[in-house]
Amino acid sequence: MISREFKSIRDSQVGLYENYQEGEKPTFHEIRALGEKLYKDQGKDPKQLGGWASEKMVKNYDSGHSEIRWINAVADLKIAEI
């Protein structure tokens, strides 16, 4: 249910991904997995961020994400003008 609501808000209210194909738009779970990876990279317990009850669930959710080749990119966005 949270995935559907996230998608609904992302597509109808945010307006950042209008020119993207459906498979290119970030999903709730992709963003959550990235957050957990970054948390883990900092030496934090991803179980706290994800709210998982067990280490088994952390590993299940994280499976396959460590093979992704992440790159650093500069987000050159103007959020607000002051």
N, C-alpha and C. Protein backbone atom coordinates (compact mmCIF):
# COMPACT_ATOMS: atom_id res chain seq x y z
N MET A 1 0.81 -1.19 0.00
CA MET A 1 0.00 0.00 0.00
C MET A 1 0.87 1.27 0.00
N ILE A 2 1.95 1.25 0.76
CA ILE A 2 2.82 2.43 0.80
C ILE A 2 3.48 2.66 -0.56
N SER A 3 3.80 1.58 -1.27
CA SER A 3 4.40 1.72 -2.61
C SER A 3 3.44 2.40 -3.57
N ARG A 4 2.16 2.03 -3.51
CA ARG A 4 1.17 2.64 -4.40
C ARG A 4 0.99 4.12 -4.09
N GLU A 5 0.95 4.46 -2.79
CA GLU A 5 0.78 5.86 -2.40
C GLU A 5 2.00 6.69 -2.80
N PHE A 6 3.19 6.12 -2.59
CA PHE A 6 4.43 6.80 -2.99
C PHE A 6 4.39 7.09 -4.49
N LYS A 7 4.03 6.08 -5.28
CA LYS A 7 3.96 6.23 -6.74
C LYS A 7 2.95 7.30 -7.13
N SER A 8 1.81 7.28 -6.47
CA SER A 8 0.76 8.26 -6.76
C SER A 8 1.25 9.69 -6.51
N ILE A 9 1.88 9.90 -5.38
CA ILE A 9 2.39 11.23 -5.04
C ILE A 9 3.54 11.61 -5.97
N ARG A 10 4.45 10.68 -6.21
CA ARG A 10 5.59 10.94 -7.10
C ARG A 10 5.11 11.37 -8.48
N ASP A 11 4.09 10.70 -9.00
CA ASP A 11 3.63 10.97 -10.36
C ASP A 11 2.68 12.15 -10.48
N SER A 12 1.87 12.41 -9.46
CA SER A 12 0.85 13.45 -9.62
C SER A 12 1.17 14.76 -8.92
N GLN A 13 1.98 14.73 -7.88
CA GLN A 13 2.19 15.95 -7.11
C GLN A 13 3.60 16.51 -7.18
N VAL A 14 4.58 15.68 -7.36
CA VAL A 14 5.96 16.15 -7.33
C VAL A 14 6.37 16.75 -8.67
N GLY A 15 6.07 16.07 -9.75
CA GLY A 15 6.35 16.59 -11.09
C GLY A 15 7.81 16.55 -11.52
N LEU A 16 8.65 15.82 -10.80
CA LEU A 16 10.06 15.75 -11.15
C LEU A 16 10.37 14.70 -12.21
N TYR A 17 9.47 13.76 -12.41
CA TYR A 17 9.78 12.62 -13.26
C TYR A 17 8.85 12.51 -14.47
N GLU A 18 8.31 13.63 -14.90
CA GLU A 18 7.36 13.62 -16.02
C GLU A 18 7.97 13.08 -17.31
N ASN A 19 9.25 13.30 -17.54
CA ASN A 19 9.89 12.88 -18.79
C ASN A 19 10.56 11.52 -18.68
N TYR A 20 10.33 10.81 -17.60
CA TYR A 20 10.92 9.50 -17.40
C TYR A 20 9.93 8.40 -17.77
N GLN A 21 10.46 7.29 -18.28
CA GLN A 21 9.64 6.11 -18.53
C GLN A 21 9.33 5.45 -17.19
N GLU A 22 8.31 4.62 -17.13
CA GLU A 22 7.90 4.00 -15.88
C GLU A 22 9.03 3.24 -15.19
N GLY A 23 9.83 2.49 -15.93
CA GLY A 23 10.91 1.72 -15.33
C GLY A 23 12.10 2.55 -14.86
N GLU A 24 12.12 3.84 -15.22
CA GLU A 24 13.22 4.72 -14.83
C GLU A 24 12.92 5.52 -13.58
N LYS A 25 11.68 5.59 -13.19
CA LYS A 25 11.28 6.38 -12.02
C LYS A 25 11.65 5.63 -10.74
N PRO A 26 12.18 6.36 -9.74
CA PRO A 26 12.54 5.68 -8.49
C PRO A 26 11.30 5.16 -7.76
N THR A 27 11.47 4.01 -7.15
CA THR A 27 10.38 3.44 -6.36
C THR A 27 10.67 3.66 -4.89
N PHE A 28 9.65 3.50 -4.08
CA PHE A 28 9.81 3.61 -2.64
C PHE A 28 10.89 2.65 -2.15
N HIS A 29 10.86 1.42 -2.64
CA HIS A 29 11.79 0.41 -2.16
C HIS A 29 13.22 0.67 -2.63
N GLU A 30 13.39 1.24 -3.82
CA GLU A 30 14.74 1.60 -4.28
C GLU A 30 15.34 2.69 -3.41
N ILE A 31 14.54 3.68 -3.07
CA ILE A 31 15.02 4.76 -2.23
C ILE A 31 15.32 4.24 -0.83
N ARG A 32 14.46 3.39 -0.34
CA ARG A 32 14.66 2.80 0.99
C ARG A 32 15.92 1.94 1.01
N ALA A 33 16.12 1.13 -0.03
CA ALA A 33 17.31 0.28 -0.11
C ALA A 33 18.58 1.14 -0.18
N LEU A 34 18.54 2.23 -0.94
CA LEU A 34 19.69 3.13 -1.02
C LEU A 34 19.98 3.73 0.35
N GLY A 35 18.95 4.17 1.04
CA GLY A 35 19.13 4.73 2.39
C GLY A 35 19.77 3.72 3.33
N GLU A 36 19.32 2.49 3.26
CA GLU A 36 19.88 1.45 4.12
C GLU A 36 21.34 1.17 3.74
N LYS A 37 21.65 1.17 2.44
CA LYS A 37 23.03 0.95 2.01
C LYS A 37 23.93 2.06 2.52
N LEU A 38 23.50 3.31 2.36
CA LEU A 38 24.29 4.44 2.83
C LEU A 38 24.47 4.40 4.35
N TYR A 39 23.43 4.02 5.04
CA TYR A 39 23.48 3.87 6.49
C TYR A 39 24.53 2.82 6.86
N LYS A 40 24.47 1.68 6.19
CA LYS A 40 25.39 0.58 6.43
C LYS A 40 26.83 1.00 6.11
N ASP A 41 27.03 1.74 5.02
CA ASP A 41 28.36 2.22 4.63
C ASP A 41 28.97 3.13 5.69
N GLN A 42 28.14 3.78 6.47
CA GLN A 42 28.60 4.66 7.53
C GLN A 42 28.83 3.92 8.85
N GLY A 43 28.65 2.59 8.80
CA GLY A 43 28.86 1.79 10.00
C GLY A 43 27.66 1.74 10.93
N LYS A 44 26.53 2.20 10.48
CA LYS A 44 25.31 2.19 11.29
C LYS A 44 24.56 0.88 11.07
N ASP A 45 23.69 0.57 11.98
CA ASP A 45 22.88 -0.64 11.88
C ASP A 45 21.68 -0.37 10.98
N PRO A 46 21.63 -0.95 9.78
CA PRO A 46 20.51 -0.68 8.88
C PRO A 46 19.18 -1.19 9.42
N LYS A 47 19.24 -2.06 10.39
CA LYS A 47 18.02 -2.59 11.00
C LYS A 47 17.22 -1.46 11.66
N GLN A 48 17.92 -0.47 12.20
CA GLN A 48 17.23 0.66 12.82
C GLN A 48 16.49 1.50 11.79
N LEU A 49 17.17 1.80 10.68
CA LEU A 49 16.56 2.63 9.64
C LEU A 49 15.37 1.93 8.99
N GLY A 50 15.55 0.64 8.68
CA GLY A 50 14.49 -0.11 8.01
C GLY A 50 13.39 -0.59 8.94
N GLY A 51 13.66 -0.58 10.22
CA GLY A 51 12.66 -1.04 11.18
C GLY A 51 12.50 -2.55 11.17
N TRP A 52 13.54 -3.26 10.73
CA TRP A 52 13.46 -4.72 10.65
C TRP A 52 13.59 -5.34 12.04
N ALA A 53 12.88 -6.42 12.24
CA ALA A 53 12.91 -7.13 13.52
C ALA A 53 14.10 -8.07 13.62
N SER A 54 14.64 -8.51 12.50
CA SER A 54 15.73 -9.49 12.55
C SER A 54 16.78 -9.20 11.49
N GLU A 55 17.97 -9.73 11.73
CA GLU A 55 19.06 -9.60 10.77
C GLU A 55 18.72 -10.33 9.47
N LYS A 56 17.94 -11.39 9.58
CA LYS A 56 17.52 -12.16 8.40
C LYS A 56 16.73 -11.26 7.45
N MET A 57 15.85 -10.44 7.98
CA MET A 57 15.06 -9.54 7.14
C MET A 57 15.93 -8.46 6.50
N VAL A 58 16.95 -7.97 7.24
CA VAL A 58 17.88 -6.99 6.67
C VAL A 58 18.57 -7.60 5.47
N LYS A 59 19.08 -8.83 5.62
CA LYS A 59 19.78 -9.50 4.52
C LYS A 59 18.84 -9.77 3.35
N ASN A 60 17.61 -10.12 3.63
CA ASN A 60 16.62 -10.38 2.58
C ASN A 60 16.35 -9.11 1.79
N TYR A 61 16.17 -8.01 2.47
CA TYR A 61 15.87 -6.75 1.81
C TYR A 61 17.08 -6.23 1.05
N ASP A 62 18.28 -6.48 1.58
CA ASP A 62 19.51 -5.97 1.00
C ASP A 62 20.05 -6.85 -0.13
N SER A 63 19.47 -8.00 -0.31
CA SER A 63 20.02 -8.94 -1.29
C SER A 63 20.02 -8.32 -2.69
N GLY A 64 21.18 -8.41 -3.33
CA GLY A 64 21.31 -7.90 -4.69
C GLY A 64 21.73 -6.46 -4.79
N HIS A 65 21.63 -5.69 -3.73
CA HIS A 65 21.98 -4.28 -3.81
C HIS A 65 23.47 -4.04 -3.72
N SER A 66 24.21 -4.94 -3.12
CA SER A 66 25.65 -4.71 -3.00
C SER A 66 26.36 -4.88 -4.34
N GLU A 67 25.74 -5.56 -5.29
CA GLU A 67 26.35 -5.74 -6.60
C GLU A 67 26.16 -4.53 -7.51
N ILE A 68 25.29 -3.64 -7.13
CA ILE A 68 25.03 -2.45 -7.94
C ILE A 68 26.25 -1.55 -7.89
N ARG A 69 26.66 -1.05 -9.04
CA ARG A 69 27.80 -0.15 -9.09
C ARG A 69 27.30 1.28 -8.93
N TRP A 70 27.53 1.83 -7.75
CA TRP A 70 27.09 3.19 -7.46
C TRP A 70 28.14 4.16 -7.97
N ILE A 71 27.70 5.31 -8.41
CA ILE A 71 28.63 6.36 -8.82
C ILE A 71 28.26 7.64 -8.06
N ASN A 72 29.24 8.48 -7.85
CA ASN A 72 28.97 9.77 -7.23
C ASN A 72 28.56 10.74 -8.33
N ALA A 73 27.54 11.50 -8.09
CA ALA A 73 27.06 12.47 -9.07
C ALA A 73 26.72 13.77 -8.34
N VAL A 74 26.86 14.85 -9.05
CA VAL A 74 26.51 16.15 -8.49
C VAL A 74 25.09 16.48 -8.91
N ALA A 75 24.25 16.73 -7.94
CA ALA A 75 22.87 17.13 -8.22
C ALA A 75 22.83 18.64 -8.30
N ASP A 76 22.80 19.17 -9.48
CA ASP A 76 22.85 20.61 -9.69
C ASP A 76 21.42 21.14 -9.84
N LEU A 77 20.68 21.09 -8.74
CA LEU A 77 19.28 21.51 -8.76
C LEU A 77 19.10 22.80 -7.97
N LYS A 78 18.27 23.68 -8.49
CA LYS A 78 17.87 24.85 -7.73
C LYS A 78 16.55 24.52 -7.05
N ILE A 79 16.60 24.34 -5.75
CA ILE A 79 15.39 23.98 -5.01
C ILE A 79 14.56 25.22 -4.73
N ALA A 80 15.21 26.28 -4.27
CA ALA A 80 14.50 27.52 -3.95
C ALA A 80 15.43 28.70 -4.15
N GLU A 81 14.88 29.79 -4.52
CA GLU A 81 15.67 30.99 -4.67
C GLU A 81 15.49 31.85 -3.44
N ILE A 82 16.60 32.39 -2.97
CA ILE A 82 16.55 33.23 -1.77
C ILE A 82 16.85 34.66 -2.14
